[in-house]
Protein backbone atom coordinates (compact mmCIF):
# COMPACT_ATOMS: atom_id res chain seq x y z
CA MET A 1 -0.04 -0.12 0.14
CA GLU A 2 1.01 3.66 -1.56
CA GLU A 3 2.69 5.46 2.02
CA ILE A 4 0.85 8.42 2.65
CA VAL A 5 1.58 11.48 5.18
CA ALA A 6 -1.10 13.97 6.11
CA TYR A 7 -0.04 17.66 6.90
CA CYS A 8 0.37 17.15 10.14
CA GLY A 9 2.89 13.80 10.05
CA LEU A 10 -0.07 11.32 10.40
CA LEU A 11 -0.25 8.10 8.40
CA CYS A 12 -3.45 7.92 6.07
CA HIS A 13 -2.73 4.45 4.88
CA GLU A 14 -2.33 3.15 8.89
CA CYS A 15 -5.32 5.17 9.79
CA GLY A 16 -8.84 3.43 10.21
CA ALA A 17 -10.67 5.07 8.35
CA TYR A 18 -8.65 5.26 5.09
CA LEU A 19 -8.38 1.29 5.77
CA ALA A 20 -12.08 0.32 6.06
CA THR A 21 -12.71 2.54 2.44
CA VAL A 22 -9.98 1.30 0.30
CA ASN A 23 -11.20 -1.80 1.28
CA ASN A 24 -14.55 -0.45 1.91
CA ASP A 25 -14.65 -3.07 4.67
CA ASP A 26 -18.06 -1.99 6.45
CA LYS A 27 -17.10 -4.16 9.77
CA LYS A 28 -13.55 -1.98 10.14
CA ARG A 29 -16.63 1.44 10.12
CA ALA A 30 -19.29 0.17 12.41
CA LEU A 31 -15.57 -1.43 14.55
CA VAL A 32 -13.32 2.72 13.59
CA ALA A 33 -16.96 4.37 14.33
CA GLU A 34 -17.61 2.67 18.09
CA GLN A 35 -13.92 3.38 18.77
CA TRP A 36 -13.51 7.24 17.59
CA SER A 37 -17.07 7.79 19.10
CA LYS A 38 -15.66 6.85 22.78
CA GLU A 39 -12.15 8.22 22.45
CA TYR A 40 -13.80 11.65 20.71
CA LYS A 41 -16.86 11.95 22.79
CA VAL A 42 -18.71 12.36 18.99
CA ASP A 43 -21.46 10.07 17.55
CA LEU A 44 -19.72 8.95 14.82
CA LYS A 45 -21.77 6.69 12.58
CA PRO A 46 -19.80 3.56 9.75
CA GLU A 47 -21.50 5.00 7.29
CA ASP A 48 -19.32 8.80 8.62
CA ILE A 49 -15.99 6.58 8.33
CA HIS A 50 -14.64 6.57 4.56
CA CYS A 51 -11.15 8.80 3.86
CA THR A 52 -9.29 8.20 0.81
CA GLY A 53 -5.96 10.75 3.21
CA CYS A 54 -5.84 14.43 3.98
CA PRO A 55 -4.80 15.25 0.50
CA SER A 56 -7.77 13.77 -1.08
CA GLU A 57 -10.02 16.84 -1.78
CA GLY A 58 -14.03 17.47 -1.51
CA GLU A 59 -15.81 14.43 0.21
CA ASN A 60 -13.10 12.07 0.16
CA VAL A 61 -11.77 13.35 3.63
CA PHE A 62 -13.70 12.37 6.63
CA SER A 63 -16.43 15.07 7.96
CA TYR A 64 -13.37 16.82 10.50
CA CYS A 65 -10.91 17.07 7.62
CA HIS A 66 -13.11 19.55 6.61
CA VAL A 67 -12.67 21.54 9.56
CA CYS A 68 -9.23 20.88 10.25
CA GLU A 69 -6.94 24.06 10.81
CA ILE A 70 -3.54 22.32 10.66
CA ARG A 71 -5.34 20.78 6.63
CA LYS A 72 -6.25 24.02 5.71
CA CYS A 73 -2.75 25.89 6.84
CA ALA A 74 -0.68 24.03 4.41
CA LYS A 75 -3.60 23.52 1.62
CA GLU A 76 -3.31 27.27 1.93
CA ASN A 77 0.39 27.21 1.88
CA GLU A 78 0.19 24.82 -1.47
CA VAL A 79 2.82 22.37 0.46
CA LEU A 80 3.55 18.51 0.62
CA THR A 81 3.22 18.67 4.34
CA CYS A 82 3.87 20.45 6.99
CA GLY A 83 7.64 19.75 7.47
CA HIS A 84 7.48 21.25 4.36
CA CYS A 85 6.11 24.49 4.66
CA TYR A 86 8.44 27.61 6.16
CA ASP A 87 6.85 28.16 8.75
CA TYR A 88 7.56 25.16 10.37
CA PRO A 89 6.64 24.27 13.84
CA CYS A 90 3.65 26.68 14.42
CA GLY A 91 1.37 26.82 17.10
CA LYS A 92 -0.83 24.74 15.51
CA LEU A 93 1.48 21.94 15.13
CA GLU A 94 2.84 22.62 18.90
CA LYS A 95 -0.72 22.09 20.21
CA PHE A 96 -1.64 18.83 17.86
CA PHE A 97 2.05 17.08 18.97
CA GLN A 98 1.11 18.02 22.43
CA ARG A 99 -1.51 15.65 21.84
CA ASN A 100 -0.09 12.39 22.44
CA VAL A 101 1.28 12.30 18.79
CA PRO A 102 4.99 11.86 19.05
CA ASP A 103 5.21 9.82 16.39
CA CYS A 104 3.66 12.48 13.92
CA LYS A 105 6.61 15.60 15.21
CA ILE A 106 9.71 12.42 14.52
CA ARG A 107 7.63 12.10 11.51
CA LEU A 108 7.44 15.75 9.75
CA ASP A 109 11.07 16.73 11.29
CA GLU A 110 11.89 13.95 9.27
CA ILE A 111 10.73 15.56 6.08
CA ARG A 112 12.42 18.98 7.07
CA LYS A 113 15.50 17.56 7.27
CA LYS A 114 15.05 16.34 4.04
CA PHE A 115 13.50 19.42 2.66
CA ARG A 116 16.00 22.06 3.71
CA GLY A 117 19.06 19.96 2.48
């Protein structure tokens, strides 16, 4: 499976919503909806679980992606990931990194190193 890195450094190709979508797996959709509903204290249904990766356009992304400030900023700045942005790391990302996603920071730092040479 092709590696897809979201703007924030999450790996789309490892995300339950992405996997459920590309594999058209309704059992996985139900499981992800149940897990995320509990974890994020929202009411998700299996039909809410649809995503083809953060860089996707239109309705092909998870509903939260339409309001995600990190995604919005990256798209406005036309960068592949936040690691490619001249303002990296910004306050939006620092706040995100505090949510127990250290792999994202490490991944973006590596991208940044390669990008800046």
